[in-house]
Amino acid sequence: MNNFFNDLQGKLNQAFENSPAKDIERNVKAMMTQGFSKLDLVTREEFDIQAQVLAKTRAKLEALELRVAELEAKLVATDSKA
């Protein structure tokens, strides 16, 4: 009985491979691929890498802003003593 279902599945797959539905599927995939390439999309991996770079840059910027604020405070303190 199991052999019957395997044989039936094989024949159905073969029929699908040779059917117009498979050609339509190939054409739709080709059109979608072409359309996506025109949209200038990035992969998930590229997006994740850029998100990490942005997070590191943001952390460095916050550290530099803090450092500038400290230096400005020291400058004001030095100017007020003079």
PDB file of N, CA and C in Angstrom:
ATOM      1  N   MET A   1       0.831  -1.196   0.000  1.00  0.00           N
ATOM      2  CA  MET A   1       0.000   0.000   0.000  1.00  0.00           C
ATOM      3  C   MET A   1       0.869   1.252   0.000  1.00  0.00           C
ATOM      4  N   ASN A   2       1.951   1.230   0.814  1.00  0.00           N
ATOM      5  CA  ASN A   2       2.864   2.363   0.881  1.00  0.00           C
ATOM      6  C   ASN A   2       3.546   2.580  -0.475  1.00  0.00           C
ATOM      7  N   ASN A   3       3.858   1.479  -1.144  1.00  0.00           N
ATOM      8  CA  ASN A   3       4.477   1.535  -2.465  1.00  0.00           C
ATOM      9  C   ASN A   3       3.536   2.209  -3.469  1.00  0.00           C
ATOM     10  N   PHE A   4       2.245   1.936  -3.332  1.00  0.00           N
ATOM     11  CA  PHE A   4       1.243   2.543  -4.212  1.00  0.00           C
ATOM     12  C   PHE A   4       1.267   4.061  -4.083  1.00  0.00           C
ATOM     13  N   PHE A   5       1.285   4.549  -2.840  1.00  0.00           N
ATOM     14  CA  PHE A   5       1.276   5.995  -2.610  1.00  0.00           C
ATOM     15  C   PHE A   5       2.569   6.652  -3.089  1.00  0.00           C
ATOM     16  N   ASN A   6       3.688   5.981  -2.896  1.00  0.00           N
ATOM     17  CA  ASN A   6       4.963   6.511  -3.389  1.00  0.00           C
ATOM     18  C   ASN A   6       4.961   6.597  -4.913  1.00  0.00           C
ATOM     19  N   ASP A   7       4.422   5.559  -5.554  1.00  0.00           N
ATOM     20  CA  ASP A   7       4.336   5.547  -7.010  1.00  0.00           C
ATOM     21  C   ASP A   7       3.398   6.647  -7.491  1.00  0.00           C
ATOM     22  N   LEU A   8       2.262   6.789  -6.817  1.00  0.00           N
ATOM     23  CA  LEU A   8       1.294   7.832  -7.169  1.00  0.00           C
ATOM     24  C   LEU A   8       1.914   9.217  -7.005  1.00  0.00           C
ATOM     25  N   GLN A   9       2.632   9.419  -5.916  1.00  0.00           N
ATOM     26  CA  GLN A   9       3.284  10.706  -5.677  1.00  0.00           C
ATOM     27  C   GLN A   9       4.325  10.998  -6.757  1.00  0.00           C
ATOM     28  N   GLY A  10       5.088  10.005  -7.130  1.00  0.00           N
ATOM     29  CA  GLY A  10       6.083  10.164  -8.191  1.00  0.00           C
ATOM     30  C   GLY A  10       5.445  10.551  -9.514  1.00  0.00           C
ATOM     31  N   LYS A  11       4.333   9.901  -9.845  1.00  0.00           N
ATOM     32  CA  LYS A  11       3.644  10.207 -11.096  1.00  0.00           C
ATOM     33  C   LYS A  11       3.032  11.609 -11.063  1.00  0.00           C
ATOM     34  N   LEU A  12       2.493  11.991  -9.919  1.00  0.00           N
ATOM     35  CA  LEU A  12       1.929  13.336  -9.800  1.00  0.00           C
ATOM     36  C   LEU A  12       3.030  14.403  -9.911  1.00  0.00           C
ATOM     37  N   ASN A  13       4.167  14.154  -9.279  1.00  0.00           N
ATOM     38  CA  ASN A  13       5.285  15.095  -9.382  1.00  0.00           C
ATOM     39  C   ASN A  13       5.771  15.213 -10.822  1.00  0.00           C
ATOM     40  N   GLN A  14       5.849  14.089 -11.510  1.00  0.00           N
ATOM     41  CA  GLN A  14       6.283  14.093 -12.902  1.00  0.00           C
ATOM     42  C   GLN A  14       5.275  14.850 -13.766  1.00  0.00           C
ATOM     43  N   ALA A  15       3.999  14.637 -13.511  1.00  0.00           N
ATOM     44  CA  ALA A  15       2.965  15.340 -14.272  1.00  0.00           C
ATOM     45  C   ALA A  15       3.048  16.840 -14.016  1.00  0.00           C
ATOM     46  N   PHE A  16       3.301  17.219 -12.780  1.00  0.00           N
ATOM     47  CA  PHE A  16       3.417  18.638 -12.447  1.00  0.00           C
ATOM     48  C   PHE A  16       4.632  19.258 -13.123  1.00  0.00           C
ATOM     49  N   GLU A  17       5.730  18.520 -13.160  1.00  0.00           N
ATOM     50  CA  GLU A  17       6.955  19.028 -13.792  1.00  0.00           C
ATOM     51  C   GLU A  17       6.731  19.309 -15.279  1.00  0.00           C
ATOM     52  N   ASN A  18       5.876  18.520 -15.909  1.00  0.00           N
ATOM     53  CA  ASN A  18       5.631  18.666 -17.343  1.00  0.00           C
ATOM     54  C   ASN A  18       4.405  19.515 -17.644  1.00  0.00           C
ATOM     55  N   SER A  19       3.759  20.047 -16.636  1.00  0.00           N
ATOM     56  CA  SER A  19       2.518  20.781 -16.847  1.00  0.00           C
ATOM     57  C   SER A  19       2.786  22.271 -17.090  1.00  0.00           C
ATOM     58  N   PRO A  20       1.805  22.960 -17.632  1.00  0.00           N
ATOM     59  CA  PRO A  20       1.935  24.413 -17.812  1.00  0.00           C
ATOM     60  C   PRO A  20       2.078  25.145 -16.472  1.00  0.00           C
ATOM     61  N   ALA A  21       1.601  24.562 -15.403  1.00  0.00           N
ATOM     62  CA  ALA A  21       1.712  25.199 -14.088  1.00  0.00           C
ATOM     63  C   ALA A  21       3.176  25.404 -13.708  1.00  0.00           C
ATOM     64  N   LYS A  22       4.025  24.457 -14.052  1.00  0.00           N
ATOM     65  CA  LYS A  22       5.459  24.574 -13.741  1.00  0.00           C
ATOM     66  C   LYS A  22       6.085  25.708 -14.552  1.00  0.00           C
ATOM     67  N   ASP A  23       5.669  25.827 -15.817  1.00  0.00           N
ATOM     68  CA  ASP A  23       6.165  26.930 -16.643  1.00  0.00           C
ATOM     69  C   ASP A  23       5.714  28.278 -16.081  1.00  0.00           C
ATOM     70  N   ILE A  24       4.485  28.336 -15.635  1.00  0.00           N
ATOM     71  CA  ILE A  24       3.971  29.571 -15.036  1.00  0.00           C
ATOM     72  C   ILE A  24       4.762  29.907 -13.781  1.00  0.00           C
ATOM     73  N   GLU A  25       5.032  28.896 -12.962  1.00  0.00           N
ATOM     74  CA  GLU A  25       5.806  29.111 -11.739  1.00  0.00           C
ATOM     75  C   GLU A  25       7.200  29.662 -12.068  1.00  0.00           C
ATOM     76  N   ARG A  26       7.857  29.065 -13.065  1.00  0.00           N
ATOM     77  CA  ARG A  26       9.193  29.545 -13.473  1.00  0.00           C
ATOM     78  C   ARG A  26       9.129  30.984 -13.959  1.00  0.00           C
ATOM     79  N   ASN A  27       8.110  31.301 -14.765  1.00  0.00           N
ATOM     80  CA  ASN A  27       7.977  32.656 -15.296  1.00  0.00           C
ATOM     81  C   ASN A  27       7.708  33.672 -14.192  1.00  0.00           C
ATOM     82  N   VAL A  28       6.873  33.318 -13.253  1.00  0.00           N
ATOM     83  CA  VAL A  28       6.572  34.227 -12.139  1.00  0.00           C
ATOM     84  C   VAL A  28       7.825  34.454 -11.297  1.00  0.00           C
ATOM     85  N   LYS A  29       8.563  33.394 -11.021  1.00  0.00           N
ATOM     86  CA  LYS A  29       9.803  33.542 -10.255  1.00  0.00           C
ATOM     87  C   LYS A  29      10.795  34.438 -10.984  1.00  0.00           C
ATOM     88  N   ALA A  30      10.920  34.261 -12.291  1.00  0.00           N
ATOM     89  CA  ALA A  30      11.849  35.078 -13.077  1.00  0.00           C
ATOM     90  C   ALA A  30      11.430  36.544 -13.052  1.00  0.00           C
ATOM     91  N   MET A  31      10.129  36.795 -13.196  1.00  0.00           N
ATOM     92  CA  MET A  31       9.632  38.180 -13.167  1.00  0.00           C
ATOM     93  C   MET A  31       9.848  38.808 -11.800  1.00  0.00           C
ATOM     94  N   MET A  32       9.603  38.056 -10.744  1.00  0.00           N
ATOM     95  CA  MET A  32       9.785  38.587  -9.393  1.00  0.00           C
ATOM     96  C   MET A  32      11.258  38.865  -9.117  1.00  0.00           C
ATOM     97  N   THR A  33      12.132  37.966  -9.548  1.00  0.00           N
ATOM     98  CA  THR A  33      13.564  38.168  -9.360  1.00  0.00           C
ATOM     99  C   THR A  33      14.014  39.420 -10.093  1.00  0.00           C
ATOM    100  N   GLN A  34      13.548  39.593 -11.303  1.00  0.00           N
ATOM    101  CA  GLN A  34      13.903  40.777 -12.082  1.00  0.00           C
ATOM    102  C   GLN A  34      13.359  42.041 -11.413  1.00  0.00           C
ATOM    103  N   GLY A  35      12.143  41.993 -10.929  1.00  0.00           N
ATOM    104  CA  GLY A  35      11.549  43.148 -10.245  1.00  0.00           C
ATOM    105  C   GLY A  35      12.296  43.496  -8.971  1.00  0.00           C
ATOM    106  N   PHE A  36      12.664  42.481  -8.194  1.00  0.00           N
ATOM    107  CA  PHE A  36      13.399  42.730  -6.954  1.00  0.00           C
ATOM    108  C   PHE A  36      14.780  43.313  -7.226  1.00  0.00           C
ATOM    109  N   SER A  37      15.401  42.883  -8.309  1.00  0.00           N
ATOM    110  CA  SER A  37      16.738  43.404  -8.615  1.00  0.00           C
ATOM    111  C   SER A  37      16.677  44.890  -8.958  1.00  0.00           C
ATOM    112  N   LYS A  38      15.573  45.344  -9.501  1.00  0.00           N
ATOM    113  CA  LYS A  38      15.403  46.760  -9.824  1.00  0.00           C
ATOM    114  C   LYS A  38      15.143  47.605  -8.580  1.00  0.00           C
ATOM    115  N   LEU A  39      14.696  46.983  -7.497  1.00  0.00           N
ATOM    116  CA  LEU A  39      14.350  47.718  -6.281  1.00  0.00           C
ATOM    117  C   LEU A  39      15.561  48.054  -5.422  1.00  0.00           C
ATOM    118  N   ASP A  40      16.732  47.553  -5.773  1.00  0.00           N
ATOM    119  CA  ASP A  40      17.958  47.827  -5.025  1.00  0.00           C
ATOM    120  C   ASP A  40      17.809  47.414  -3.563  1.00  0.00           C
ATOM    121  N   LEU A  41      17.374  46.188  -3.344  1.00  0.00           N
ATOM    122  CA  LEU A  41      17.188  45.649  -2.007  1.00  0.00           C
ATOM    123  C   LEU A  41      18.500  45.087  -1.463  1.00  0.00           C
ATOM    124  N   VAL A  42      18.592  44.977  -0.145  1.00  0.00           N
ATOM    125  CA  VAL A  42      19.763  44.363   0.480  1.00  0.00           C
ATOM    126  C   VAL A  42      19.333  43.054   1.136  1.00  0.00           C
ATOM    127  N   THR A  43      20.306  42.184   1.335  1.00  0.00           N
ATOM    128  CA  THR A  43      20.001  40.922   1.989  1.00  0.00           C
ATOM    129  C   THR A  43      19.860  41.156   3.493  1.00  0.00           C
ATOM    130  N   ARG A  44      19.283  40.203   4.173  1.00  0.00           N
ATOM    131  CA  ARG A  44      19.131  40.290   5.626  1.00  0.00           C
ATOM    132  C   ARG A  44      20.504  40.361   6.294  1.00  0.00           C
ATOM    133  N   GLU A  45      21.460  39.597   5.754  1.00  0.00           N
ATOM    134  CA  GLU A  45      22.809  39.588   6.312  1.00  0.00           C
ATOM    135  C   GLU A  45      23.450  40.976   6.200  1.00  0.00           C
ATOM    136  N   GLU A  46      23.319  41.609   5.032  1.00  0.00           N
ATOM    137  CA  GLU A  46      23.868  42.957   4.851  1.00  0.00           C
ATOM    138  C   GLU A  46      23.193  43.956   5.800  1.00  0.00           C
ATOM    139  N   PHE A  47      21.881  43.811   5.957  1.00  0.00           N
ATOM    140  CA  PHE A  47      21.148  44.696   6.861  1.00  0.00           C
ATOM    141  C   PHE A  47      21.625  44.531   8.296  1.00  0.00           C
ATOM    142  N   ASP A  48      21.799  43.285   8.738  1.00  0.00           N
ATOM    143  CA  ASP A  48      22.255  43.021  10.101  1.00  0.00           C
ATOM    144  C   ASP A  48      23.651  43.584  10.346  1.00  0.00           C
ATOM    145  N   ILE A  49      24.527  43.454   9.363  1.00  0.00           N
ATOM    146  CA  ILE A  49      25.884  43.991   9.490  1.00  0.00           C
ATOM    147  C   ILE A  49      25.830  45.507   9.632  1.00  0.00           C
ATOM    148  N   GLN A  50      25.031  46.151   8.797  1.00  0.00           N
ATOM    149  CA  GLN A  50      24.931  47.611   8.869  1.00  0.00           C
ATOM    150  C   GLN A  50      24.296  48.058  10.187  1.00  0.00           C
ATOM    151  N   ALA A  51      23.369  47.282  10.711  1.00  0.00           N
ATOM    152  CA  ALA A  51      22.760  47.604  12.007  1.00  0.00           C
ATOM    153  C   ALA A  51      23.809  47.531  13.116  1.00  0.00           C
ATOM    154  N   GLN A  52      24.694  46.536  13.039  1.00  0.00           N
ATOM    155  CA  GLN A  52      25.775  46.424  14.029  1.00  0.00           C
ATOM    156  C   GLN A  52      26.740  47.593  13.917  1.00  0.00           C
ATOM    157  N   VAL A  53      27.096  47.969  12.695  1.00  0.00           N
ATOM    158  CA  VAL A  53      27.992  49.103  12.485  1.00  0.00           C
ATOM    159  C   VAL A  53      27.354  50.369  13.047  1.00  0.00           C
ATOM    160  N   LEU A  54      26.078  50.553  12.797  1.00  0.00           N
ATOM    161  CA  LEU A  54      25.369  51.730  13.297  1.00  0.00           C
ATOM    162  C   LEU A  54      25.350  51.750  14.822  1.00  0.00           C
ATOM    163  N   ALA A  55      25.120  50.615  15.454  1.00  0.00           N
ATOM    164  CA  ALA A  55      25.092  50.545  16.913  1.00  0.00           C
ATOM    165  C   ALA A  55      26.456  50.904  17.495  1.00  0.00           C
ATOM    166  N   LYS A  56      27.532  50.390  16.890  1.00  0.00           N
ATOM    167  CA  LYS A  56      28.881  50.722  17.363  1.00  0.00           C
ATOM    168  C   LYS A  56      29.176  52.206  17.177  1.00  0.00           C
ATOM    169  N   THR A  57      28.784  52.747  16.034  1.00  0.00           N
ATOM    170  CA  THR A  57      29.006  54.164  15.750  1.00  0.00           C
ATOM    171  C   THR A  57      28.229  55.034  16.733  1.00  0.00           C
ATOM    172  N   ARG A  58      27.002  54.637  17.021  1.00  0.00           N
ATOM    173  CA  ARG A  58      26.180  55.394  17.964  1.00  0.00           C
ATOM    174  C   ARG A  58      26.815  55.378  19.354  1.00  0.00           C
ATOM    175  N   ALA A  59      27.346  54.242  19.774  1.00  0.00           N
ATOM    176  CA  ALA A  59      27.997  54.137  21.088  1.00  0.00           C
ATOM    177  C   ALA A  59      29.241  55.029  21.136  1.00  0.00           C
ATOM    178  N   LYS A  60      30.028  55.034  20.056  1.00  0.00           N
ATOM    179  CA  LYS A  60      31.217  55.897  20.010  1.00  0.00           C
ATOM    180  C   LYS A  60      30.822  57.365  20.043  1.00  0.00           C
ATOM    181  N   LEU A  61      29.774  57.719  19.331  1.00  0.00           N
ATOM    182  CA  LEU A  61      29.300  59.102  19.313  1.00  0.00           C
ATOM    183  C   LEU A  61      28.859  59.541  20.707  1.00  0.00           C
ATOM    184  N   GLU A  62      28.133  58.693  21.405  1.00  0.00           N
ATOM    185  CA  GLU A  62      27.697  59.031  22.764  1.00  0.00           C
ATOM    186  C   GLU A  62      28.896  59.216  23.694  1.00  0.00           C
ATOM    187  N   ALA A  63      29.912  58.367  23.540  1.00  0.00           N
ATOM    188  CA  ALA A  63      31.119  58.491  24.360  1.00  0.00           C
ATOM    189  C   ALA A  63      31.838  59.801  24.044  1.00  0.00           C
ATOM    190  N   LEU A  64      31.922  60.148  22.778  1.00  0.00           N
ATOM    191  CA  LEU A  64      32.573  61.405  22.395  1.00  0.00           C
ATOM    192  C   LEU A  64      31.792  62.622  22.881  1.00  0.00           C
ATOM    193  N   GLU A  65      30.466  62.549  22.823  1.00  0.00           N
ATOM    194  CA  GLU A  65      29.651  63.654  23.330  1.00  0.00           C
ATOM    195  C   GLU A  65      29.877  63.851  24.824  1.00  0.00           C
ATOM    196  N   LEU A  66      29.971  62.755  25.547  1.00  0.00           N
ATOM    197  CA  LEU A  66      30.238  62.830  26.982  1.00  0.00           C
ATOM    198  C   LEU A  66      31.612  63.442  27.233  1.00  0.00           C
ATOM    199  N   ARG A  67      32.594  63.019  26.469  1.00  0.00           N
ATOM    200  CA  ARG A  67      33.964  63.535  26.610  1.00  0.00           C
ATOM    201  C   ARG A  67      34.010  65.040  26.315  1.00  0.00           C
ATOM    202  N   VAL A  68      33.331  65.479  25.268  1.00  0.00           N
ATOM    203  CA  VAL A  68      33.284  66.908  24.929  1.00  0.00           C
ATOM    204  C   VAL A  68      32.609  67.691  26.054  1.00  0.00           C
ATOM    205  N   ALA A  69      31.538  67.160  26.612  1.00  0.00           N
ATOM    206  CA  ALA A  69      30.853  67.838  27.714  1.00  0.00           C
ATOM    207  C   ALA A  69      31.777  67.967  28.917  1.00  0.00           C
ATOM    208  N   GLU A  70      32.546  66.916  29.214  1.00  0.00           N
ATOM    209  CA  GLU A  70      33.500  66.973  30.327  1.00  0.00           C
ATOM    210  C   GLU A  70      34.581  68.018  30.074  1.00  0.00           C
ATOM    211  N   LEU A  71      35.111  68.045  28.857  1.00  0.00           N
ATOM    212  CA  LEU A  71      36.146  69.025  28.518  1.00  0.00           C
ATOM    213  C   LEU A  71      35.601  70.449  28.563  1.00  0.00           C
ATOM    214  N   GLU A  72      34.377  70.638  28.107  1.00  0.00           N
ATOM    215  CA  GLU A  72      33.759  71.966  28.172  1.00  0.00           C
ATOM    216  C   GLU A  72      33.569  72.401  29.619  1.00  0.00           C
ATOM    217  N   ALA A  73      33.156  71.461  30.468  1.00  0.00           N
ATOM    218  CA  ALA A  73      32.975  71.785  31.886  1.00  0.00           C
ATOM    219  C   ALA A  73      34.302  72.175  32.524  1.00  0.00           C
ATOM    220  N   LYS A  74      35.360  71.473  32.180  1.00  0.00           N
ATOM    221  CA  LYS A  74      36.699  71.810  32.712  1.00  0.00           C
ATOM    222  C   LYS A  74      37.129  73.177  32.204  1.00  0.00           C
ATOM    223  N   LEU A  75      36.863  73.469  30.960  1.00  0.00           N
ATOM    224  CA  LEU A  75      37.223  74.755  30.368  1.00  0.00           C
ATOM    225  C   LEU A  75      36.489  75.895  31.063  1.00  0.00           C
ATOM    226  N   VAL A  76      35.212  75.691  31.314  1.00  0.00           N
ATOM    227  CA  VAL A  76      34.424  76.723  32.010  1.00  0.00           C
ATOM    228  C   VAL A  76      34.948  76.904  33.430  1.00  0.00           C
ATOM    229  N   ALA A  77      35.276  75.808  34.074  1.00  0.00           N
ATOM    230  CA  ALA A  77      35.798  75.894  35.441  1.00  0.00           C
ATOM    231  C   ALA A  77      37.142  76.611  35.458  1.00  0.00           C
ATOM    232  N   THR A  78      37.990  76.346  34.483  1.00  0.00           N
ATOM    233  CA  THR A  78      39.298  77.003  34.382  1.00  0.00           C
ATOM    234  C   THR A  78      39.127  78.490  34.079  1.00  0.00           C
ATOM    235  N   ASP A  79      38.202  78.837  33.194  1.00  0.00           N
ATOM    236  CA  ASP A  79      37.963  80.235  32.850  1.00  0.00           C
ATOM    237  C   ASP A  79      37.382  81.012  34.019  1.00  0.00           C
ATOM    238  N   SER A  80      36.556  80.382  34.829  1.00  0.00           N
ATOM    239  CA  SER A  80      35.950  81.092  35.947  1.00  0.00           C
ATOM    240  C   SER A  80      36.964  81.338  37.070  1.00  0.00           C
ATOM    241  N   LYS A  81      38.003  80.507  37.158  1.00  0.00           N
ATOM    242  CA  LYS A  81      39.046  80.713  38.163  1.00  0.00           C
ATOM    243  C   LYS A  81      39.966  81.861  37.750  1.00  0.00           C
ATOM    244  N   ALA A  82      40.081  82.095  36.493  1.00  0.00           N
ATOM    245  CA  ALA A  82      41.038  83.114  36.025  1.00  0.00           C
ATOM    246  C   ALA A  82      40.481  84.489  36.082  1.00  0.00           C
TER     247      ALA A  82
END
